[in-house]
Amino acid sequence: MGWLERLGRVVRTQIDSLVKEAEDPEKILEQAVMGMEQELIEMRRALAEAIATQKSTERQTANYQMAAQKWYDRAQFLSKKKTKL
């Protein structure tokens, strides 16, 4: 009967060990920090992408404004030229 008690203690010890390991605050914090670090990396990547998109959009806007101004100036020139005729 002693070996049954010993087996019971071993099983209980293993179960307690698993429970403590699962509830280890240090491990939980480490996992949380690792998760936050991964999120930070992803956020930085997303921010860099957003900044690049913004700069590209600003360049396109400037190009479109210059083209619009060019066509406006041409239209004004032709309008004045037609009026003089």
N, C-alpha and C. Protein backbone atom coordinates (compact mmCIF):
# COMPACT_ATOMS: atom_id res chain seq x y z
N MET A 1 0.82 -1.19 0.00
CA MET A 1 0.00 0.00 0.00
C MET A 1 0.87 1.26 0.00
N GLY A 2 2.09 1.15 0.46
CA GLY A 2 2.98 2.30 0.49
C GLY A 2 3.29 2.84 -0.89
N TRP A 3 3.35 1.93 -1.86
CA TRP A 3 3.68 2.39 -3.20
C TRP A 3 2.53 3.17 -3.81
N LEU A 4 1.26 2.89 -3.40
CA LEU A 4 0.12 3.67 -3.87
C LEU A 4 0.17 5.09 -3.31
N GLU A 5 0.54 5.21 -2.04
CA GLU A 5 0.66 6.54 -1.44
C GLU A 5 1.77 7.33 -2.13
N ARG A 6 2.88 6.65 -2.37
CA ARG A 6 4.01 7.30 -3.04
C ARG A 6 3.60 7.74 -4.45
N LEU A 7 2.92 6.88 -5.17
CA LEU A 7 2.45 7.21 -6.51
C LEU A 7 1.49 8.40 -6.46
N GLY A 8 0.60 8.42 -5.47
CA GLY A 8 -0.33 9.53 -5.30
C GLY A 8 0.39 10.84 -5.05
N ARG A 9 1.44 10.79 -4.19
CA ARG A 9 2.23 12.00 -3.92
C ARG A 9 2.96 12.49 -5.18
N VAL A 10 3.49 11.55 -5.93
CA VAL A 10 4.21 11.92 -7.17
C VAL A 10 3.25 12.59 -8.15
N VAL A 11 2.06 12.01 -8.29
CA VAL A 11 1.07 12.58 -9.21
C VAL A 11 0.65 13.96 -8.72
N ARG A 12 0.38 14.10 -7.41
CA ARG A 12 0.00 15.40 -6.85
C ARG A 12 1.10 16.42 -7.07
N THR A 13 2.34 16.01 -6.85
CA THR A 13 3.47 16.91 -7.03
C THR A 13 3.56 17.37 -8.48
N GLN A 14 3.37 16.46 -9.40
CA GLN A 14 3.41 16.81 -10.83
C GLN A 14 2.29 17.79 -11.18
N ILE A 15 1.11 17.52 -10.66
CA ILE A 15 -0.03 18.40 -10.93
C ILE A 15 0.21 19.78 -10.33
N ASP A 16 0.69 19.82 -9.08
CA ASP A 16 1.00 21.10 -8.44
C ASP A 16 2.05 21.86 -9.24
N SER A 17 3.04 21.15 -9.72
CA SER A 17 4.10 21.77 -10.51
C SER A 17 3.54 22.39 -11.79
N LEU A 18 2.66 21.66 -12.45
CA LEU A 18 2.04 22.18 -13.67
C LEU A 18 1.18 23.40 -13.39
N VAL A 19 0.44 23.37 -12.29
CA VAL A 19 -0.41 24.51 -11.93
C VAL A 19 0.45 25.72 -11.61
N LYS A 20 1.50 25.53 -10.82
CA LYS A 20 2.38 26.64 -10.47
C LYS A 20 3.06 27.21 -11.71
N GLU A 21 3.47 26.32 -12.61
CA GLU A 21 4.12 26.76 -13.84
C GLU A 21 3.16 27.58 -14.69
N ALA A 22 1.92 27.16 -14.74
CA ALA A 22 0.92 27.87 -15.52
C ALA A 22 0.58 29.21 -14.89
N GLU A 23 0.69 29.32 -13.58
CA GLU A 23 0.33 30.54 -12.88
C GLU A 23 1.54 31.37 -12.49
N ASP A 24 2.72 31.05 -13.00
CA ASP A 24 3.94 31.76 -12.63
C ASP A 24 3.85 33.20 -13.12
N PRO A 25 3.77 34.17 -12.20
CA PRO A 25 3.62 35.57 -12.59
C PRO A 25 4.79 36.07 -13.44
N GLU A 26 5.98 35.60 -13.15
CA GLU A 26 7.14 36.04 -13.92
C GLU A 26 7.01 35.61 -15.38
N LYS A 27 6.58 34.38 -15.59
CA LYS A 27 6.41 33.90 -16.96
C LYS A 27 5.28 34.64 -17.66
N ILE A 28 4.22 34.91 -16.92
CA ILE A 28 3.09 35.64 -17.50
C ILE A 28 3.55 37.03 -17.92
N LEU A 29 4.33 37.70 -17.06
CA LEU A 29 4.84 39.03 -17.40
C LEU A 29 5.78 38.98 -18.59
N GLU A 30 6.65 37.98 -18.62
CA GLU A 30 7.57 37.84 -19.74
C GLU A 30 6.81 37.66 -21.05
N GLN A 31 5.77 36.84 -21.01
CA GLN A 31 4.96 36.63 -22.21
C GLN A 31 4.24 37.91 -22.62
N ALA A 32 3.75 38.65 -21.63
CA ALA A 32 3.07 39.91 -21.92
C ALA A 32 4.03 40.91 -22.55
N VAL A 33 5.24 40.99 -21.99
CA VAL A 33 6.24 41.92 -22.52
C VAL A 33 6.63 41.52 -23.94
N MET A 34 6.81 40.23 -24.16
CA MET A 34 7.16 39.77 -25.51
C MET A 34 6.05 40.12 -26.50
N GLY A 35 4.82 39.94 -26.07
CA GLY A 35 3.69 40.30 -26.93
C GLY A 35 3.65 41.79 -27.23
N MET A 36 3.92 42.60 -26.22
CA MET A 36 3.93 44.05 -26.41
C MET A 36 5.08 44.47 -27.33
N GLU A 37 6.23 43.83 -27.19
CA GLU A 37 7.36 44.14 -28.06
C GLU A 37 7.03 43.81 -29.52
N GLN A 38 6.36 42.71 -29.74
CA GLN A 38 5.95 42.35 -31.10
C GLN A 38 4.95 43.37 -31.65
N GLU A 39 4.02 43.80 -30.80
CA GLU A 39 3.05 44.81 -31.23
C GLU A 39 3.75 46.13 -31.54
N LEU A 40 4.75 46.48 -30.73
CA LEU A 40 5.51 47.71 -30.96
C LEU A 40 6.22 47.66 -32.31
N ILE A 41 6.82 46.52 -32.62
CA ILE A 41 7.48 46.36 -33.91
C ILE A 41 6.48 46.53 -35.04
N GLU A 42 5.31 45.91 -34.90
CA GLU A 42 4.27 46.01 -35.92
C GLU A 42 3.76 47.44 -36.06
N MET A 43 3.59 48.13 -34.94
CA MET A 43 3.12 49.52 -34.97
C MET A 43 4.15 50.43 -35.64
N ARG A 44 5.42 50.21 -35.36
CA ARG A 44 6.47 51.02 -35.99
C ARG A 44 6.48 50.79 -37.50
N ARG A 45 6.30 49.54 -37.91
CA ARG A 45 6.25 49.23 -39.34
C ARG A 45 5.05 49.91 -39.99
N ALA A 46 3.92 49.85 -39.31
CA ALA A 46 2.70 50.48 -39.84
C ALA A 46 2.87 52.00 -39.91
N LEU A 47 3.52 52.58 -38.89
CA LEU A 47 3.75 54.02 -38.89
C LEU A 47 4.67 54.42 -40.04
N ALA A 48 5.74 53.66 -40.25
CA ALA A 48 6.65 53.96 -41.36
C ALA A 48 5.92 53.88 -42.69
N GLU A 49 5.05 52.90 -42.83
CA GLU A 49 4.27 52.75 -44.06
C GLU A 49 3.31 53.93 -44.23
N ALA A 50 2.69 54.36 -43.15
CA ALA A 50 1.76 55.50 -43.22
C ALA A 50 2.49 56.78 -43.59
N ILE A 51 3.68 56.98 -43.02
CA ILE A 51 4.47 58.18 -43.33
C ILE A 51 4.88 58.16 -44.80
N ALA A 52 5.30 57.00 -45.29
CA ALA A 52 5.69 56.89 -46.70
C ALA A 52 4.50 57.18 -47.61
N THR A 53 3.34 56.68 -47.25
CA THR A 53 2.13 56.93 -48.05
C THR A 53 1.78 58.41 -48.03
N GLN A 54 1.90 59.05 -46.87
CA GLN A 54 1.61 60.47 -46.76
C GLN A 54 2.55 61.29 -47.65
N LYS A 55 3.83 60.98 -47.60
CA LYS A 55 4.80 61.73 -48.42
C LYS A 55 4.53 61.53 -49.91
N SER A 56 4.20 60.31 -50.29
CA SER A 56 3.88 60.04 -51.68
C SER A 56 2.64 60.82 -52.12
N THR A 57 1.65 60.85 -51.26
CA THR A 57 0.42 61.58 -51.56
C THR A 57 0.69 63.08 -51.66
N GLU A 58 1.54 63.60 -50.79
CA GLU A 58 1.89 65.03 -50.85
C GLU A 58 2.61 65.35 -52.16
N ARG A 59 3.51 64.46 -52.60
CA ARG A 59 4.21 64.68 -53.87
C ARG A 59 3.23 64.66 -55.04
N GLN A 60 2.31 63.71 -55.03
CA GLN A 60 1.30 63.64 -56.09
C GLN A 60 0.44 64.89 -56.10
N THR A 61 0.05 65.36 -54.93
CA THR A 61 -0.77 66.56 -54.83
C THR A 61 -0.04 67.76 -55.41
N ALA A 62 1.24 67.90 -55.07
CA ALA A 62 2.04 69.01 -55.59
C ALA A 62 2.15 68.91 -57.12
N ASN A 63 2.36 67.71 -57.64
CA ASN A 63 2.44 67.54 -59.09
C ASN A 63 1.12 67.90 -59.77
N TYR A 64 0.01 67.47 -59.19
CA TYR A 64 -1.30 67.78 -59.77
C TYR A 64 -1.59 69.28 -59.70
N GLN A 65 -1.18 69.93 -58.62
CA GLN A 65 -1.38 71.37 -58.50
C GLN A 65 -0.56 72.12 -59.55
N MET A 66 0.68 71.67 -59.77
CA MET A 66 1.51 72.31 -60.79
C MET A 66 0.91 72.11 -62.18
N ALA A 67 0.42 70.92 -62.46
CA ALA A 67 -0.21 70.66 -63.76
C ALA A 67 -1.46 71.50 -63.93
N ALA A 68 -2.26 71.60 -62.88
CA ALA A 68 -3.48 72.41 -62.95
C ALA A 68 -3.14 73.88 -63.19
N GLN A 69 -2.12 74.37 -62.50
CA GLN A 69 -1.70 75.76 -62.68
C GLN A 69 -1.19 75.98 -64.10
N LYS A 70 -0.47 75.02 -64.64
CA LYS A 70 0.06 75.12 -66.01
C LYS A 70 -1.09 75.22 -67.01
N TRP A 71 -2.11 74.36 -66.87
CA TRP A 71 -3.24 74.40 -67.78
C TRP A 71 -4.08 75.67 -67.60
N TYR A 72 -4.17 76.14 -66.38
CA TYR A 72 -4.89 77.40 -66.12
C TYR A 72 -4.17 78.56 -66.81
N ASP A 73 -2.84 78.59 -66.66
CA ASP A 73 -2.06 79.66 -67.30
C ASP A 73 -2.20 79.61 -68.82
N ARG A 74 -2.19 78.41 -69.40
CA ARG A 74 -2.38 78.27 -70.84
C ARG A 74 -3.76 78.78 -71.27
N ALA A 75 -4.75 78.40 -70.48
CA ALA A 75 -6.11 78.85 -70.80
C ALA A 75 -6.21 80.36 -70.72
N GLN A 76 -5.62 80.96 -69.72
CA GLN A 76 -5.63 82.42 -69.58
C GLN A 76 -4.92 83.08 -70.77
N PHE A 77 -3.77 82.52 -71.14
CA PHE A 77 -3.01 83.07 -72.26
C PHE A 77 -3.83 83.02 -73.54
N LEU A 78 -4.45 81.86 -73.81
CA LEU A 78 -5.25 81.72 -75.03
C LEU A 78 -6.48 82.61 -74.99
N SER A 79 -7.05 82.79 -73.81
CA SER A 79 -8.23 83.65 -73.68
C SER A 79 -7.86 85.10 -73.98
N LYS A 80 -6.72 85.55 -73.49
CA LYS A 80 -6.26 86.93 -73.74
C LYS A 80 -5.88 87.10 -75.21
N LYS A 81 -5.26 86.07 -75.78
CA LYS A 81 -4.85 86.12 -77.17
C LYS A 81 -6.08 86.21 -78.08
N LYS A 82 -7.12 85.45 -77.75
CA LYS A 82 -8.35 85.46 -78.54
C LYS A 82 -9.04 86.81 -78.43
N THR A 83 -9.01 87.41 -77.24
CA THR A 83 -9.65 88.70 -77.01
C THR A 83 -8.97 89.79 -77.83
N LYS A 84 -7.66 89.71 -77.99
CA LYS A 84 -6.91 90.72 -78.73
C LYS A 84 -7.18 90.63 -80.23
N LEU A 85 -7.58 89.47 -80.71
CA LEU A 85 -7.84 89.31 -82.14
C LEU A 85 -9.13 89.95 -82.45
